[in-house]
C-alpha atoms as a PDB file:
ATOM      1  CA  MET A   1      94.352 102.549 156.599  1.00  0.00           C
ATOM      2  CA  SER A   2      97.059 105.037 157.563  1.00  0.00           C
ATOM      3  CA  LEU A   3      98.990 107.139 155.059  1.00  0.00           C
ATOM      4  CA  CYS A   4     102.784 107.167 154.890  1.00  0.00           C
ATOM      5  CA  ARG A   5     104.030 110.612 155.948  1.00  0.00           C
ATOM      6  CA  SER A   6     107.557 110.119 154.636  1.00  0.00           C
ATOM      7  CA  PRO A   7     108.802 108.063 151.700  1.00  0.00           C
ATOM      8  CA  LEU A   8     109.447 104.394 152.274  1.00  0.00           C
ATOM      9  CA  ARG A   9     112.599 103.395 150.391  1.00  0.00           C
ATOM     10  CA  ILE A  10     112.806  99.890 148.980  1.00  0.00           C
ATOM     11  CA  GLY A  11     116.197  98.939 147.586  1.00  0.00           C
ATOM     12  CA  GLY A  12     116.865 102.511 146.486  1.00  0.00           C
ATOM     13  CA  SER A  13     114.758 102.132 143.356  1.00  0.00           C
ATOM     14  CA  ILE A  14     111.158 102.245 144.572  1.00  0.00           C
ATOM     15  CA  SER A  15     109.609 104.920 146.789  1.00  0.00           C
ATOM     16  CA  ILE A  16     106.079 104.765 148.131  1.00  0.00           C
ATOM     17  CA  PHE A  17     104.703 108.187 149.126  1.00  0.00           C
ATOM     18  CA  ARG A  18     101.041 107.281 149.570  1.00  0.00           C
ATOM     19  CA  PRO A  19      99.215 104.010 149.172  1.00  0.00           C
ATOM     20  CA  GLN A  20      97.883 105.337 145.842  1.00  0.00           C
ATOM     21  CA  THR A  21     101.246 106.493 144.439  1.00  0.00           C
ATOM     22  CA  LEU A  22     104.186 104.333 143.459  1.00  0.00           C
ATOM     23  CA  ARG A  23     107.261 105.986 142.014  1.00  0.00           C
ATOM     24  CA  LEU A  24     109.811 103.910 140.104  1.00  0.00           C
ATOM     25  CA  THR A  25     113.211 105.169 139.045  1.00  0.00           C
ATOM     26  CA  SER A  26     115.949 103.393 137.154  1.00  0.00           C
ATOM     27  CA  ASN A  27     118.638 104.371 139.630  1.00  0.00           C
ATOM     28  CA  LEU A  28     119.986 100.835 139.692  1.00  0.00           C
ATOM     29  CA  ARG A  29     123.595  99.766 139.952  1.00  0.00           C
ATOM     30  CA  ILE A  30     124.921  96.678 138.235  1.00  0.00           C
ATOM     31  CA  HIS A  31     128.260  95.481 139.602  1.00  0.00           C
ATOM     32  CA  GLY A  32     128.787  98.893 141.232  1.00  0.00           C
ATOM     33  CA  GLN A  33     128.216 100.888 138.033  1.00  0.00           C
ATOM     34  CA  PRO A  34     125.344 103.373 137.684  1.00  0.00           C
ATOM     35  CA  SER A  35     122.634 102.416 135.225  1.00  0.00           C
ATOM     36  CA  THR A  36     123.044 103.880 131.732  1.00  0.00           C
ATOM     37  CA  TYR A  37     119.290 103.908 131.140  1.00  0.00           C
ATOM     38  CA  PRO A  38     117.617 107.312 131.352  1.00  0.00           C
ATOM     39  CA  ARG A  39     115.835 108.056 134.614  1.00  0.00           C
ATOM     40  CA  ARG A  40     112.071 107.677 134.305  1.00  0.00           C
ATOM     41  CA  THR A  41     109.507 108.411 136.967  1.00  0.00           C
ATOM     42  CA  PHE A  42     105.978 107.042 136.909  1.00  0.00           C
ATOM     43  CA  SER A  43     103.139 107.461 139.345  1.00  0.00           C
ATOM     44  CA  SER A  44      99.636 106.109 139.537  1.00  0.00           C
ATOM     45  CA  SER A  45      98.381 109.616 138.744  1.00  0.00           C
ATOM     46  CA  MET A  46      99.870 109.427 135.204  1.00  0.00           C
ATOM     47  CA  PRO A  47      97.378 108.340 132.533  1.00  0.00           C
ATOM     48  CA  LEU A  48      98.189 104.809 131.362  1.00  0.00           C
ATOM     49  CA  ARG A  49      98.108 105.982 127.732  1.00  0.00           C
ATOM     50  CA  GLU A  50     101.276 107.996 128.495  1.00  0.00           C
ATOM     51  CA  ILE A  51     103.040 104.898 129.824  1.00  0.00           C
ATOM     52  CA  ILE A  52     101.602 102.155 127.593  1.00  0.00           C
ATOM     53  CA  GLN A  53     101.300 102.686 123.836  1.00  0.00           C
ATOM     54  CA  PRO A  54      99.770 100.143 121.436  1.00  0.00           C
ATOM     55  CA  VAL A  55     101.589  99.457 118.158  1.00  0.00           C
ATOM     56  CA  PHE A  56     100.007  98.471 114.848  1.00  0.00           C
ATOM     57  CA  SER A  57     101.579  97.576 111.493  1.00  0.00           C
ATOM     58  CA  PRO A  58      99.209  97.022 108.557  1.00  0.00           C
ATOM     59  CA  GLU A  59     101.831  94.720 106.986  1.00  0.00           C
ATOM     60  CA  ALA A  60     101.717  92.087 109.757  1.00  0.00           C
ATOM     61  CA  VAL A  61      98.936  89.744 110.884  1.00  0.00           C
ATOM     62  CA  HIS A  62      96.006  91.802 112.160  1.00  0.00           C
ATOM     63  CA  PRO A  63      94.948  90.904 115.709  1.00  0.00           C
ATOM     64  CA  ILE A  64      92.229  88.267 115.786  1.00  0.00           C
ATOM     65  CA  GLY A  65      91.057  89.279 119.258  1.00  0.00           C
ATOM     66  CA  PRO A  66      91.048  92.140 121.768  1.00  0.00           C
ATOM     67  CA  TYR A  67      94.810  92.730 121.904  1.00  0.00           C
ATOM     68  CA  SER A  68      97.520  94.806 120.212  1.00  0.00           C
ATOM     69  CA  GLN A  69     100.228  93.549 117.871  1.00  0.00           C
ATOM     70  CA  ALA A  70     102.677  95.072 120.350  1.00  0.00           C
ATOM     71  CA  ILE A  71     102.879  97.427 123.309  1.00  0.00           C
ATOM     72  CA  LYS A  72     105.582 100.019 123.964  1.00  0.00           C
ATOM     73  CA  ALA A  73     106.187 100.657 127.666  1.00  0.00           C
ATOM     74  CA  ASN A  74     109.088 102.148 129.606  1.00  0.00           C
ATOM     75  CA  GLY A  75     111.640 101.704 126.806  1.00  0.00           C
ATOM     76  CA  PHE A  76     110.577  98.156 125.960  1.00  0.00           C
ATOM     77  CA  VAL A  77     108.508  96.656 123.158  1.00  0.00           C
ATOM     78  CA  PHE A  78     106.386  93.588 123.937  1.00  0.00           C
ATOM     79  CA  LEU A  79     105.196  91.753 120.808  1.00  0.00           C
ATOM     80  CA  SER A  80     102.105  89.596 120.901  1.00  0.00           C
ATOM     81  CA  GLY A  81     102.378  86.183 119.280  1.00  0.00           C
ATOM     82  CA  GLN A  82     103.455  86.463 115.644  1.00  0.00           C
ATOM     83  CA  LEU A  83     102.140  83.837 113.261  1.00  0.00           C
ATOM     84  CA  PRO A  84     103.398  82.742 109.841  1.00  0.00           C
ATOM     85  CA  ALA A  85     100.489  84.450 108.061  1.00  0.00           C
ATOM     86  CA  ASP A  86      99.604  87.443 105.895  1.00  0.00           C
ATOM     87  CA  PRO A  87      97.761  90.495 107.311  1.00  0.00           C
ATOM     88  CA  GLN A  88      94.373  88.855 106.669  1.00  0.00           C
ATOM     89  CA  GLY A  89      95.358  85.768 108.671  1.00  0.00           C
ATOM     90  CA  ASN A  90      95.963  83.397 105.749  1.00  0.00           C
ATOM     91  CA  LEU A  91      98.605  80.942 106.947  1.00  0.00           C
ATOM     92  CA  THR A  92     101.831  80.517 104.985  1.00  0.00           C
ATOM     93  CA  GLU A  93     102.037  77.206 103.127  1.00  0.00           C
ATOM     94  CA  GLY A  94     105.246  75.219 102.732  1.00  0.00           C
ATOM     95  CA  THR A  95     108.029  73.935 104.925  1.00  0.00           C
ATOM     96  CA  ALA A  96     108.742  74.827 108.532  1.00  0.00           C
ATOM     97  CA  ALA A  97     111.538  77.063 107.195  1.00  0.00           C
ATOM     98  CA  ASP A  98     109.082  78.956 104.942  1.00  0.00           C
ATOM     99  CA  LYS A  99     106.781  79.480 107.915  1.00  0.00           C
ATOM    100  CA  ALA A 100     109.654  80.564 110.187  1.00  0.00           C
ATOM    101  CA  HIS A 101     110.762  83.162 107.606  1.00  0.00           C
ATOM    102  CA  LYS A 102     107.253  84.632 107.435  1.00  0.00           C
ATOM    103  CA  MET A 103     106.908  84.662 111.221  1.00  0.00           C
ATOM    104  CA  CYS A 104     110.247  86.482 111.619  1.00  0.00           C
ATOM    105  CA  GLN A 105     109.360  88.959 108.853  1.00  0.00           C
ATOM    106  CA  ASN A 106     106.084  89.759 110.637  1.00  0.00           C
ATOM    107  CA  ALA A 107     107.987  90.312 113.888  1.00  0.00           C
ATOM    108  CA  LYS A 108     110.460  92.594 112.087  1.00  0.00           C
ATOM    109  CA  THR A 109     107.609  94.666 110.629  1.00  0.00           C
ATOM    110  CA  VAL A 110     105.918  95.153 114.011  1.00  0.00           C
ATOM    111  CA  LEU A 111     109.227  95.960 115.748  1.00  0.00           C
ATOM    112  CA  GLU A 112     109.985  98.614 113.124  1.00  0.00           C
ATOM    113  CA  ALA A 113     106.497 100.112 113.586  1.00  0.00           C
ATOM    114  CA  ALA A 114     107.375 100.379 117.296  1.00  0.00           C
ATOM    115  CA  GLY A 115     110.685 102.127 116.583  1.00  0.00           C
ATOM    116  CA  SER A 116     112.775  99.051 117.349  1.00  0.00           C
ATOM    117  CA  SER A 117     114.435  96.302 115.310  1.00  0.00           C
ATOM    118  CA  LEU A 118     115.415  92.636 115.371  1.00  0.00           C
ATOM    119  CA  ASP A 119     118.890  93.490 116.684  1.00  0.00           C
ATOM    120  CA  LYS A 120     117.304  94.998 119.823  1.00  0.00           C
ATOM    121  CA  VAL A 121     115.465  91.803 120.751  1.00  0.00           C
ATOM    122  CA  VAL A 122     116.344  90.519 124.225  1.00  0.00           C
ATOM    123  CA  LYS A 123     113.919  87.575 124.633  1.00  0.00           C
ATOM    124  CA  VAL A 124     112.080  85.276 122.228  1.00  0.00           C
ATOM    125  CA  THR A 125     109.574  82.524 122.928  1.00  0.00           C
ATOM    126  CA  ILE A 126     108.717  80.097 120.120  1.00  0.00           C
ATOM    127  CA  TYR A 127     105.759  77.741 120.275  1.00  0.00           C
ATOM    128  CA  PHE A 128     105.830  74.649 118.053  1.00  0.00           C
ATOM    129  CA  ARG A 129     102.871  72.466 117.252  1.00  0.00           C
ATOM    130  CA  ASN A 130     105.452  69.793 116.400  1.00  0.00           C
ATOM    131  CA  MET A 131     108.847  69.946 118.102  1.00  0.00           C
ATOM    132  CA  ASP A 132     110.271  67.926 115.189  1.00  0.00           C
ATOM    133  CA  ASP A 133     110.417  71.284 113.325  1.00  0.00           C
ATOM    134  CA  PHE A 134     112.914  72.623 115.891  1.00  0.00           C
ATOM    135  CA  LYS A 135     116.084  72.087 113.826  1.00  0.00           C
ATOM    136  CA  GLU A 136     114.659  73.594 110.625  1.00  0.00           C
ATOM    137  CA  VAL A 137     113.247  76.617 112.470  1.00  0.00           C
ATOM    138  CA  ASN A 138     116.558  77.055 114.340  1.00  0.00           C
ATOM    139  CA  GLU A 139     118.440  77.462 111.060  1.00  0.00           C
ATOM    140  CA  VAL A 140     116.107  80.267 109.958  1.00  0.00           C
ATOM    141  CA  TYR A 141     116.089  81.805 113.442  1.00  0.00           C
ATOM    142  CA  ALA A 142     119.905  82.114 113.396  1.00  0.00           C
ATOM    143  CA  GLU A 143     119.684  84.278 110.243  1.00  0.00           C
ATOM    144  CA  TYR A 144     117.368  86.791 111.946  1.00  0.00           C
ATOM    145  CA  PHE A 145     118.915  86.746 115.434  1.00  0.00           C
ATOM    146  CA  PRO A 146     122.717  86.427 115.093  1.00  0.00           C
ATOM    147  CA  HIS A 147     123.162  88.238 118.446  1.00  0.00           C
ATOM    148  CA  LYS A 148     121.571  85.227 120.210  1.00  0.00           C
ATOM    149  CA  PRO A 149     118.919  86.765 122.499  1.00  0.00           C
ATOM    150  CA  ALA A 150     117.540  84.708 125.380  1.00  0.00           C
ATOM    151  CA  ARG A 151     114.989  82.186 124.128  1.00  0.00           C
ATOM    152  CA  SER A 152     112.476  79.590 125.201  1.00  0.00           C
ATOM    153  CA  ALA A 153     110.808  76.988 123.009  1.00  0.00           C
ATOM    154  CA  SER A 154     107.924  74.707 123.790  1.00  0.00           C
ATOM    155  CA  GLU A 155     105.470  72.433 122.066  1.00  0.00           C
ATOM    156  CA  ALA A 156     101.807  73.454 122.116  1.00  0.00           C
ATOM    157  CA  THR A 157      98.886  71.253 121.135  1.00  0.00           C
ATOM    158  CA  LYS A 158      96.996  74.069 119.410  1.00  0.00           C
ATOM    159  CA  LEU A 159      97.976  77.527 118.207  1.00  0.00           C
ATOM    160  CA  PRO A 160      95.773  80.374 116.914  1.00  0.00           C
ATOM    161  CA  LEU A 161      94.280  79.917 113.424  1.00  0.00           C
ATOM    162  CA  GLY A 162      95.658  76.359 113.384  1.00  0.00           C
ATOM    163  CA  ALA A 163      99.218  77.658 112.883  1.00  0.00           C
ATOM    164  CA  SER A 164     102.182  75.344 113.365  1.00  0.00           C
ATOM    165  CA  LEU A 165     104.444  78.082 114.819  1.00  0.00           C
ATOM    166  CA  GLU A 166     104.044  81.193 116.949  1.00  0.00           C
ATOM    167  CA  MET A 167     106.648  83.566 118.359  1.00  0.00           C
ATOM    168  CA  ASP A 168     106.458  86.354 120.912  1.00  0.00           C
ATOM    169  CA  ILE A 169     109.243  88.828 121.597  1.00  0.00           C
ATOM    170  CA  ILE A 170     110.533  91.364 124.095  1.00  0.00           C
ATOM    171  CA  ALA A 171     112.832  94.067 122.709  1.00  0.00           C
ATOM    172  CA  ILE A 172     114.234  97.423 123.747  1.00  0.00           C
ATOM    173  CA  GLN A 173     113.231 100.527 121.809  1.00  0.00           C
END
């Protein structure tokens, strides 16, 4: 394998100096305007713990497996699936609206622990065990996300802990 002696430029935003090193910069232009995001440089020599930071909130559902409630990385917050449950994993009883409120409150708590908030959410995915709950959940969802982030919704046969709803989120910090 030969080493690159000079940088290889790919679209002006990625430079490869050696096969082991990848440098990313946010020097992107959208419709001819420079990016307003701060310039960040990463390389494979940086410890991952400096790039990827786990987030934990004791007030939200504790992870039931080997994962974090959320991860902060490069100015974004990636929430794992949020369930309508208390921190011990006891599912919320009641209507689909009651469950949607609890799920959104858990997401809010984890986002705040990450230094973000519901108004910085850019993408939401909601999983329904029964798509007939869509309308009722939508009404609650609109209260928490009036800025209308991008969203996907799908029906799933089974969800963790036997929950009827689950939501994961991508937000900016």
